[in-house]
């Protein structure tokens, strides 16, 4: 058998054509051939307006004008609807942006409040540690200064500090 390099497969989308497809595929694989599908349409004579047309083509200009007018009217209506939709969306976006700005402002206020509260809690914690220790509280310092070293209280003030209360030893209970 000859060496087949190219298979031209006419296609009309019928059941017969579909049933031949596996055979064409098998042949192409067997010979390593390229397959070209071809589908032919017959153009009605009235569509061809070349100079060599065998007869003149009649056009319904009134129907074409009506169709163009209808399309133009639909386009104007659609453009108005699109413009209204864009305006509604822009209003929603502006309202959302205002709400977002208010929320961000509220968060900033909340952050400031939390910062003040944390500072108060740190001062309370520092005061509690001072009361429970034998060191003097650190003096207020600028943020750039290095951390202070604890200073031991003089003996006269340590006598005023509360002494820890001893807890009684746990006594085992007998059942």
N, C-alpha and C. Protein backbone atom coordinates (compact mmCIF):
# COMPACT_ATOMS: atom_id res chain seq x y z
N UNK A 1 0.85 -1.18 0.00
CA UNK A 1 0.00 0.00 0.00
C UNK A 1 0.89 1.24 0.00
N UNK A 2 0.41 2.27 -0.58
CA UNK A 2 1.16 3.52 -0.67
C UNK A 2 1.33 4.16 0.70
N UNK A 3 2.30 5.04 0.81
CA UNK A 3 2.53 5.80 2.02
C UNK A 3 1.60 7.02 1.99
N UNK A 4 0.59 7.03 2.87
CA UNK A 4 -0.39 8.12 2.92
C UNK A 4 0.13 9.18 3.88
N UNK A 5 0.21 10.43 3.40
CA UNK A 5 0.71 11.51 4.23
C UNK A 5 -0.38 12.50 4.65
N UNK A 6 -1.44 12.56 3.88
CA UNK A 6 -2.48 13.55 4.15
C UNK A 6 -3.83 12.95 3.77
N UNK A 7 -4.80 13.07 4.71
CA UNK A 7 -6.16 12.56 4.44
C UNK A 7 -7.10 13.74 4.45
N UNK A 8 -7.88 13.90 3.38
CA UNK A 8 -8.91 14.94 3.30
C UNK A 8 -10.23 14.28 3.64
N UNK A 9 -10.84 14.72 4.74
CA UNK A 9 -12.06 14.08 5.24
C UNK A 9 -13.23 15.05 5.10
N UNK A 10 -14.13 14.81 4.12
CA UNK A 10 -15.28 15.70 3.96
C UNK A 10 -16.29 15.47 5.10
N UNK A 11 -16.78 16.56 5.66
CA UNK A 11 -17.67 16.48 6.82
C UNK A 11 -18.98 17.18 6.50
N UNK A 12 -20.11 16.46 6.73
CA UNK A 12 -21.42 17.10 6.59
C UNK A 12 -22.26 16.95 7.86
N UNK A 13 -21.64 16.46 8.94
CA UNK A 13 -22.24 16.32 10.26
C UNK A 13 -23.42 15.33 10.29
N UNK A 14 -23.43 14.40 9.35
CA UNK A 14 -24.48 13.38 9.32
C UNK A 14 -24.04 12.18 10.14
N UNK A 15 -24.97 11.24 10.37
CA UNK A 15 -24.63 10.02 11.11
C UNK A 15 -23.62 9.18 10.33
N UNK A 16 -23.75 9.11 9.01
CA UNK A 16 -22.80 8.36 8.20
C UNK A 16 -21.40 8.92 8.36
N UNK A 17 -21.31 10.24 8.37
CA UNK A 17 -20.01 10.90 8.53
C UNK A 17 -19.43 10.57 9.91
N UNK A 18 -20.25 10.62 10.93
CA UNK A 18 -19.79 10.31 12.29
C UNK A 18 -19.34 8.85 12.41
N UNK A 19 -20.00 7.96 11.69
CA UNK A 19 -19.64 6.55 11.79
C UNK A 19 -18.31 6.25 11.09
N UNK A 20 -17.90 7.05 10.13
CA UNK A 20 -16.65 6.85 9.41
C UNK A 20 -15.46 7.45 10.18
N UNK A 21 -15.73 8.36 11.07
CA UNK A 21 -14.69 9.07 11.82
C UNK A 21 -13.66 8.13 12.46
N UNK A 22 -14.07 7.06 13.17
CA UNK A 22 -13.05 6.17 13.78
C UNK A 22 -12.13 5.53 12.73
N UNK A 23 -12.68 5.21 11.55
CA UNK A 23 -11.87 4.61 10.49
C UNK A 23 -10.81 5.61 10.01
N UNK A 24 -11.22 6.86 9.82
CA UNK A 24 -10.29 7.89 9.35
C UNK A 24 -9.20 8.12 10.41
N UNK A 25 -9.60 8.14 11.66
CA UNK A 25 -8.64 8.34 12.75
C UNK A 25 -7.62 7.18 12.77
N UNK A 26 -8.12 5.96 12.61
CA UNK A 26 -7.25 4.79 12.62
C UNK A 26 -6.25 4.83 11.47
N UNK A 27 -6.73 5.22 10.31
CA UNK A 27 -5.85 5.30 9.13
C UNK A 27 -4.77 6.36 9.35
N UNK A 28 -5.18 7.49 9.90
CA UNK A 28 -4.22 8.57 10.12
C UNK A 28 -3.15 8.13 11.11
N UNK A 29 -3.54 7.40 12.16
CA UNK A 29 -2.57 6.92 13.14
C UNK A 29 -1.66 5.85 12.53
N UNK A 30 -2.23 5.00 11.72
CA UNK A 30 -1.45 3.90 11.11
C UNK A 30 -0.36 4.43 10.19
N UNK A 31 -0.69 5.46 9.41
CA UNK A 31 0.28 5.98 8.44
C UNK A 31 0.98 7.25 8.94
N UNK A 32 0.60 7.72 10.11
CA UNK A 32 1.19 8.97 10.60
C UNK A 32 0.80 10.14 9.72
N UNK A 33 -0.41 10.07 9.20
CA UNK A 33 -0.86 11.08 8.24
C UNK A 33 -1.56 12.23 8.95
N UNK A 34 -1.59 13.36 8.27
CA UNK A 34 -2.30 14.54 8.74
C UNK A 34 -3.72 14.46 8.20
N UNK A 35 -4.71 14.91 9.02
CA UNK A 35 -6.11 14.88 8.59
C UNK A 35 -6.60 16.31 8.47
N UNK A 36 -7.24 16.60 7.33
CA UNK A 36 -7.87 17.90 7.14
C UNK A 36 -9.36 17.66 6.98
N UNK A 37 -10.15 18.35 7.81
CA UNK A 37 -11.60 18.26 7.70
C UNK A 37 -12.07 19.34 6.75
N UNK A 38 -13.04 18.98 5.90
CA UNK A 38 -13.55 19.95 4.94
C UNK A 38 -15.08 19.92 4.99
N UNK A 39 -15.65 21.10 5.15
CA UNK A 39 -17.10 21.23 5.13
C UNK A 39 -17.42 22.32 4.12
N UNK A 40 -18.31 22.03 3.21
CA UNK A 40 -18.63 22.97 2.13
C UNK A 40 -20.06 23.46 2.31
N UNK A 41 -20.22 24.78 2.21
CA UNK A 41 -21.55 25.38 2.26
C UNK A 41 -21.87 25.95 0.89
N UNK A 42 -23.09 25.81 0.50
CA UNK A 42 -23.51 26.42 -0.74
C UNK A 42 -24.14 27.77 -0.39
N UNK A 43 -23.54 28.83 -0.91
CA UNK A 43 -24.05 30.16 -0.63
C UNK A 43 -25.21 30.43 -1.59
N UNK A 44 -26.36 30.84 -1.05
CA UNK A 44 -27.49 31.13 -1.95
C UNK A 44 -27.11 32.24 -2.92
N UNK A 45 -27.63 32.16 -4.11
CA UNK A 45 -27.27 33.09 -5.17
C UNK A 45 -27.60 34.53 -4.80
N UNK A 46 -28.68 34.76 -4.06
CA UNK A 46 -29.09 36.12 -3.69
C UNK A 46 -28.10 36.82 -2.78
N UNK A 47 -27.21 36.09 -2.13
CA UNK A 47 -26.23 36.70 -1.23
C UNK A 47 -25.03 37.23 -1.99
N UNK A 48 -24.81 36.73 -3.18
CA UNK A 48 -23.64 37.12 -3.95
C UNK A 48 -23.97 38.34 -4.79
N UNK A 49 -23.22 39.43 -4.59
CA UNK A 49 -23.55 40.67 -5.31
C UNK A 49 -22.43 41.09 -6.23
N UNK A 50 -21.64 40.16 -6.68
CA UNK A 50 -20.53 40.50 -7.57
C UNK A 50 -21.03 41.04 -8.90
N UNK A 51 -20.12 41.57 -9.68
CA UNK A 51 -20.49 42.15 -10.97
C UNK A 51 -21.03 41.11 -11.93
N UNK A 52 -20.63 39.90 -11.75
CA UNK A 52 -21.06 38.86 -12.68
C UNK A 52 -22.31 38.13 -12.18
N UNK A 53 -23.09 38.75 -11.27
CA UNK A 53 -24.31 38.11 -10.77
C UNK A 53 -25.27 37.94 -11.95
N UNK A 54 -25.89 36.76 -12.04
CA UNK A 54 -26.76 36.49 -13.20
C UNK A 54 -28.05 37.30 -13.18
N UNK A 55 -28.47 37.80 -12.05
CA UNK A 55 -29.69 38.60 -11.99
C UNK A 55 -29.56 39.62 -10.87
N UNK A 56 -30.29 40.71 -10.92
CA UNK A 56 -30.18 41.74 -9.89
C UNK A 56 -30.77 41.26 -8.55
N UNK A 57 -30.23 41.77 -7.50
CA UNK A 57 -30.69 41.39 -6.17
C UNK A 57 -31.63 42.48 -5.66
N UNK A 58 -32.79 42.05 -5.17
CA UNK A 58 -33.77 43.01 -4.65
C UNK A 58 -33.55 43.16 -3.15
N UNK A 59 -33.44 44.40 -2.69
CA UNK A 59 -33.28 44.69 -1.28
C UNK A 59 -34.50 45.42 -0.78
N UNK A 60 -34.97 45.06 0.41
CA UNK A 60 -36.10 45.74 1.03
C UNK A 60 -35.55 46.84 1.93
N UNK A 61 -35.38 48.03 1.35
CA UNK A 61 -34.77 49.14 2.07
C UNK A 61 -35.63 49.61 3.24
N UNK A 62 -36.96 49.58 3.07
CA UNK A 62 -37.84 50.00 4.18
C UNK A 62 -37.68 49.09 5.39
N UNK A 63 -37.62 47.79 5.14
CA UNK A 63 -37.44 46.84 6.25
C UNK A 63 -36.08 47.05 6.91
N UNK A 64 -35.07 47.32 6.10
CA UNK A 64 -33.73 47.56 6.64
C UNK A 64 -33.73 48.83 7.50
N UNK A 65 -34.41 49.90 7.03
CA UNK A 65 -34.49 51.14 7.82
C UNK A 65 -35.21 50.90 9.14
N UNK A 66 -36.32 50.15 9.08
CA UNK A 66 -37.06 49.84 10.31
C UNK A 66 -36.18 49.04 11.29
N UNK A 67 -35.44 48.12 10.75
CA UNK A 67 -34.56 47.31 11.59
C UNK A 67 -33.49 48.18 12.23
N UNK A 68 -32.91 49.08 11.46
CA UNK A 68 -31.88 49.99 11.99
C UNK A 68 -32.48 50.91 13.04
N UNK A 69 -33.68 51.43 12.80
CA UNK A 69 -34.36 52.30 13.78
C UNK A 69 -34.62 51.54 15.08
N UNK A 70 -35.06 50.29 14.96
CA UNK A 70 -35.33 49.48 16.15
C UNK A 70 -34.05 49.23 16.93
N UNK A 71 -32.98 48.91 16.24
CA UNK A 71 -31.69 48.67 16.89
C UNK A 71 -31.20 49.94 17.58
N UNK A 72 -31.34 51.10 16.90
CA UNK A 72 -30.92 52.38 17.48
C UNK A 72 -31.73 52.69 18.73
N UNK A 73 -33.04 52.45 18.68
CA UNK A 73 -33.90 52.69 19.84
C UNK A 73 -33.51 51.79 21.00
N UNK A 74 -33.27 50.52 20.71
CA UNK A 74 -32.84 49.58 21.77
C UNK A 74 -31.51 50.00 22.37
N UNK A 75 -30.59 50.47 21.54
CA UNK A 75 -29.29 50.90 22.04
C UNK A 75 -29.45 52.11 22.97
N UNK A 76 -30.32 53.06 22.60
CA UNK A 76 -30.54 54.24 23.44
C UNK A 76 -31.15 53.83 24.78
N UNK A 77 -32.13 52.91 24.73
CA UNK A 77 -32.75 52.43 25.97
C UNK A 77 -31.72 51.72 26.83
N UNK A 78 -30.94 50.86 26.22
CA UNK A 78 -29.90 50.14 26.97
C UNK A 78 -28.87 51.10 27.57
N UNK A 79 -28.51 52.15 26.82
CA UNK A 79 -27.54 53.11 27.32
C UNK A 79 -28.12 53.84 28.54
N UNK A 80 -29.40 54.20 28.49
CA UNK A 80 -30.04 54.87 29.64
C UNK A 80 -30.05 53.94 30.85
N UNK A 81 -30.39 52.67 30.63
CA UNK A 81 -30.40 51.71 31.74
C UNK A 81 -29.01 51.52 32.32
N UNK A 82 -28.01 51.46 31.47
CA UNK A 82 -26.63 51.30 31.93
C UNK A 82 -26.20 52.53 32.73
N UNK A 83 -26.57 53.72 32.25
CA UNK A 83 -26.21 54.96 32.96
C UNK A 83 -26.86 54.98 34.33
N UNK A 84 -28.14 54.60 34.42
CA UNK A 84 -28.82 54.57 35.73
C UNK A 84 -28.16 53.54 36.65
N UNK A 85 -27.80 52.39 36.10
CA UNK A 85 -27.15 51.35 36.91
C UNK A 85 -25.80 51.85 37.42
N UNK A 86 -25.04 52.52 36.57
CA UNK A 86 -23.74 53.05 36.98
C UNK A 86 -23.92 54.09 38.07
N UNK A 87 -24.94 54.95 37.94
CA UNK A 87 -25.21 55.97 38.97
C UNK A 87 -25.55 55.32 40.30
N UNK A 88 -26.37 54.25 40.26
CA UNK A 88 -26.74 53.55 41.50
C UNK A 88 -25.50 52.91 42.14
N UNK A 89 -24.69 52.30 41.32
CA UNK A 89 -23.48 51.65 41.83
C UNK A 89 -22.53 52.69 42.41
N UNK A 90 -22.39 53.84 41.74
CA UNK A 90 -21.51 54.90 42.24
C UNK A 90 -22.01 55.40 43.59
N UNK A 91 -23.34 55.54 43.74
CA UNK A 91 -23.90 55.99 45.02
C UNK A 91 -23.62 54.96 46.11
N UNK A 92 -23.77 53.69 45.78
CA UNK A 92 -23.50 52.63 46.77
C UNK A 92 -22.03 52.64 47.17
N UNK A 93 -21.16 52.81 46.20
CA UNK A 93 -19.72 52.83 46.48
C UNK A 93 -19.39 54.03 47.38
N UNK A 94 -19.99 55.19 47.09
CA UNK A 94 -19.73 56.38 47.91
C UNK A 94 -20.22 56.15 49.34
N UNK A 95 -21.42 55.57 49.48
CA UNK A 95 -21.96 55.29 50.82
C UNK A 95 -21.06 54.29 51.56
N UNK A 96 -20.61 53.28 50.86
CA UNK A 96 -19.73 52.29 51.49
C UNK A 96 -18.41 52.93 51.88
N UNK A 97 -17.90 53.83 51.04
CA UNK A 97 -16.64 54.51 51.34
C UNK A 97 -16.80 55.39 52.58
N UNK A 98 -17.94 56.09 52.69
CA UNK A 98 -18.18 56.91 53.88
C UNK A 98 -18.26 56.04 55.12
N UNK A 99 -18.97 54.93 55.02
CA UNK A 99 -19.11 54.02 56.16
C UNK A 99 -17.74 53.46 56.55
N UNK A 100 -16.94 53.11 55.57
CA UNK A 100 -15.60 52.60 55.83
C UNK A 100 -14.74 53.66 56.51
N UNK A 101 -14.85 54.90 56.06
CA UNK A 101 -14.09 55.99 56.68
C UNK A 101 -14.50 56.17 58.13
N UNK A 102 -15.82 56.13 58.40
CA UNK A 102 -16.29 56.23 59.79
C UNK A 102 -15.76 55.07 60.63
N UNK A 103 -15.77 53.88 60.07
CA UNK A 103 -15.28 52.71 60.81
C UNK A 103 -13.80 52.85 61.12
N UNK A 104 -13.02 53.33 60.16
CA UNK A 104 -11.58 53.52 60.38
C UNK A 104 -11.37 54.57 61.47
N UNK A 105 -12.15 55.65 61.43
CA UNK A 105 -12.04 56.69 62.48
C UNK A 105 -12.37 56.10 63.85
N UNK A 106 -13.42 55.29 63.90
CA UNK A 106 -13.80 54.66 65.17
C UNK A 106 -12.69 53.73 65.66
N UNK A 107 -12.07 53.01 64.75
CA UNK A 107 -10.97 52.13 65.13
C UNK A 107 -9.80 52.94 65.68
N UNK A 108 -9.52 54.08 65.07
CA UNK A 108 -8.42 54.92 65.55
C UNK A 108 -8.72 55.42 66.97
N UNK A 109 -9.99 55.83 67.22
CA UNK A 109 -10.37 56.28 68.56
C UNK A 109 -10.25 55.11 69.54
N UNK A 110 -10.73 53.94 69.12
CA UNK A 110 -10.65 52.75 69.98
C UNK A 110 -9.20 52.39 70.27
N UNK A 111 -8.34 52.54 69.30
CA UNK A 111 -6.92 52.22 69.51
C UNK A 111 -6.31 53.19 70.51
N UNK A 112 -6.66 54.47 70.40
CA UNK A 112 -6.15 55.45 71.37
C UNK A 112 -6.64 55.12 72.77
N UNK A 113 -7.92 54.78 72.89
CA UNK A 113 -8.50 54.44 74.18
C UNK A 113 -7.79 53.21 74.76
N UNK A 114 -7.60 52.18 73.92
CA UNK A 114 -6.92 50.97 74.38
C UNK A 114 -5.49 51.28 74.83
N UNK A 115 -4.82 52.13 74.10
CA UNK A 115 -3.46 52.50 74.47
C UNK A 115 -3.44 53.16 75.85
N UNK A 116 -4.39 54.08 76.09
CA UNK A 116 -4.46 54.73 77.41
C UNK A 116 -4.77 53.72 78.50
N UNK A 117 -5.70 52.78 78.21
CA UNK A 117 -6.06 51.77 79.21
C UNK A 117 -4.89 50.84 79.51
N UNK A 118 -4.14 50.47 78.49
CA UNK A 118 -2.98 49.60 78.68
C UNK A 118 -1.94 50.33 79.54
N UNK A 119 -1.75 51.62 79.26
CA UNK A 119 -0.81 52.41 80.06
C UNK A 119 -1.24 52.44 81.52
N UNK A 120 -2.54 52.64 81.76
CA UNK A 120 -3.05 52.63 83.15
C UNK A 120 -2.80 51.28 83.81
N UNK A 121 -3.09 50.20 83.08
CA UNK A 121 -2.87 48.86 83.64
C UNK A 121 -1.39 48.61 83.94
N UNK A 122 -0.53 49.09 83.06
CA UNK A 122 0.91 48.93 83.31
C UNK A 122 1.33 49.70 84.56
N UNK A 123 0.76 50.89 84.75
CA UNK A 123 1.07 51.66 85.95
C UNK A 123 0.58 50.94 87.21
N UNK A 124 -0.61 50.36 87.13
CA UNK A 124 -1.15 49.60 88.27
C UNK A 124 -0.26 48.40 88.55
N UNK A 125 0.13 47.69 87.51
CA UNK A 125 1.00 46.53 87.68
C UNK A 125 2.33 46.93 88.32
N UNK A 126 2.88 48.06 87.86
CA UNK A 126 4.14 48.54 88.40
C UNK A 126 3.97 48.90 89.88
N UNK A 127 2.84 49.51 90.22
CA UNK A 127 2.58 49.88 91.61
C UNK A 127 2.47 48.64 92.48
N UNK A 128 1.78 47.61 91.98
CA UNK A 128 1.63 46.36 92.74
C UNK A 128 2.99 45.70 92.95
N UNK A 129 3.81 45.69 91.92
CA UNK A 129 5.15 45.09 92.05
C UNK A 129 5.99 45.88 93.04
N UNK A 130 5.82 47.18 93.05
CA UNK A 130 6.56 48.03 93.99
C UNK A 130 6.17 47.69 95.42
N UNK A 131 4.89 47.53 95.66
CA UNK A 131 4.42 47.22 97.01
C UNK A 131 4.90 45.84 97.47
N UNK A 132 5.07 44.92 96.56
CA UNK A 132 5.46 43.56 96.91
C UNK A 132 6.96 43.31 96.81
N UNK A 133 7.74 44.35 96.62
CA UNK A 133 9.19 44.14 96.50
C UNK A 133 9.93 45.09 97.42
N UNK A 134 11.23 44.87 97.49
CA UNK A 134 12.09 45.71 98.32
C UNK A 134 12.83 46.74 97.48
N UNK A 135 12.38 47.01 96.28
CA UNK A 135 13.07 47.96 95.41
C UNK A 135 12.22 49.20 95.23
N UNK A 136 12.88 50.29 94.91
CA UNK A 136 12.17 51.55 94.64
C UNK A 136 11.60 51.48 93.23
N UNK A 137 10.50 52.16 93.00
CA UNK A 137 9.95 52.16 91.64
C UNK A 137 10.87 52.93 90.71
N UNK A 138 10.89 52.55 89.43
CA UNK A 138 11.75 53.29 88.50
C UNK A 138 11.23 54.71 88.34
N UNK A 139 12.15 55.64 88.19
CA UNK A 139 11.74 57.02 87.99
C UNK A 139 11.26 57.19 86.56
N UNK A 140 10.33 58.14 86.35
CA UNK A 140 9.88 58.37 84.97
C UNK A 140 11.06 58.78 84.10
N UNK A 141 11.17 58.22 82.92
CA UNK A 141 12.29 58.49 82.05
C UNK A 141 11.80 58.66 80.62
N UNK A 142 12.54 59.36 79.82
CA UNK A 142 12.17 59.46 78.41
C UNK A 142 12.32 58.11 77.72
N UNK A 143 11.60 57.93 76.63
CA UNK A 143 11.61 56.65 75.93
C UNK A 143 12.99 56.29 75.41
N UNK A 144 13.84 57.29 75.16
CA UNK A 144 15.16 56.99 74.60
C UNK A 144 16.15 56.55 75.66
N UNK A 145 15.85 56.79 76.95
CA UNK A 145 16.78 56.43 78.02
C UNK A 145 16.82 54.92 78.19
N UNK A 146 17.95 54.45 78.71
CA UNK A 146 18.06 53.01 78.93
C UNK A 146 17.26 52.62 80.17
N UNK A 147 16.96 51.36 80.33
CA UNK A 147 16.15 50.88 81.46
C UNK A 147 16.89 51.11 82.77
N UNK A 148 16.17 51.60 83.80
CA UNK A 148 16.83 51.86 85.08
C UNK A 148 17.11 50.56 85.82
N UNK A 149 18.13 50.64 86.67
CA UNK A 149 18.46 49.49 87.50
C UNK A 149 17.71 49.64 88.81
N UNK A 150 17.16 48.54 89.37
CA UNK A 150 16.43 48.67 90.63
C UNK A 150 17.36 49.15 91.75
N UNK A 151 16.79 50.01 92.57
CA UNK A 151 17.53 50.56 93.71
C UNK A 151 16.93 49.97 94.97
N UNK A 152 17.77 49.51 95.87
CA UNK A 152 17.28 48.93 97.12
C UNK A 152 16.81 50.04 98.04
N UNK A 153 15.69 49.82 98.69
CA UNK A 153 15.15 50.82 99.62
C UNK A 153 16.05 50.93 100.85
N UNK A 154 16.02 52.11 101.44
CA UNK A 154 16.74 52.24 102.71
C UNK A 154 16.06 51.39 103.77
N UNK A 155 16.81 51.02 104.79
CA UNK A 155 16.28 50.14 105.83
C UNK A 155 15.09 50.76 106.54
N UNK A 156 15.06 52.08 106.68
CA UNK A 156 13.96 52.71 107.42
C UNK A 156 12.63 52.58 106.68
N UNK A 157 12.62 52.63 105.34
CA UNK A 157 11.35 52.51 104.60
C UNK A 157 10.94 51.07 104.43
N UNK A 158 11.87 50.13 104.42
CA UNK A 158 11.48 48.74 104.24
C UNK A 158 10.69 48.23 105.43
N UNK A 159 10.84 48.90 106.58
CA UNK A 159 10.08 48.48 107.75
C UNK A 159 8.61 48.80 107.57
N UNK A 160 8.30 49.80 106.71
CA UNK A 160 6.91 50.19 106.48
C UNK A 160 6.22 49.28 105.47
N UNK A 161 7.00 48.56 104.70
CA UNK A 161 6.42 47.71 103.66
C UNK A 161 5.67 46.56 104.31
N UNK A 162 4.54 46.16 103.71
CA UNK A 162 3.81 45.03 104.29
C UNK A 162 4.62 43.76 104.20
N UNK A 163 4.56 42.99 105.26
CA UNK A 163 5.27 41.71 105.32
C UNK A 163 4.34 40.62 104.81
N UNK A 164 4.88 39.65 104.10
CA UNK A 164 4.02 38.55 103.65
C UNK A 164 3.53 37.75 104.85
N UNK A 165 2.28 37.35 104.78
CA UNK A 165 1.67 36.57 105.86
C UNK A 165 2.01 35.11 105.62
N UNK A 166 2.59 34.44 106.65
CA UNK A 166 2.91 33.01 106.46
C UNK A 166 1.63 32.20 106.40
N UNK A 167 1.61 31.25 105.55
CA UNK A 167 0.45 30.37 105.41
C UNK A 167 0.65 29.15 106.27
N UNK A 168 -0.42 28.68 106.89
CA UNK A 168 -0.27 27.47 107.71
C UNK A 168 0.04 26.27 106.84
N UNK A 169 0.79 25.35 107.37
CA UNK A 169 1.14 24.14 106.64
C UNK A 169 -0.10 23.28 106.49
N UNK A 170 -0.21 22.63 105.40
CA UNK A 170 -1.39 21.80 105.14
C UNK A 170 -1.33 20.56 106.02
N UNK A 171 -2.40 20.30 106.69
CA UNK A 171 -2.46 19.10 107.54
C UNK A 171 -3.19 18.00 106.80
N UNK A 172 -2.62 16.86 106.77
CA UNK A 172 -3.29 15.77 106.04
C UNK A 172 -4.59 15.39 106.76
N UNK A 173 -5.58 15.11 105.96
CA UNK A 173 -6.86 14.68 106.52
C UNK A 173 -6.94 13.16 106.49
N UNK A 174 -7.42 12.62 107.57
CA UNK A 174 -7.52 11.18 107.69
C UNK A 174 -8.95 10.79 107.36
N UNK A 175 -9.14 9.84 106.50
CA UNK A 175 -10.52 9.46 106.15
C UNK A 175 -11.19 8.61 107.22
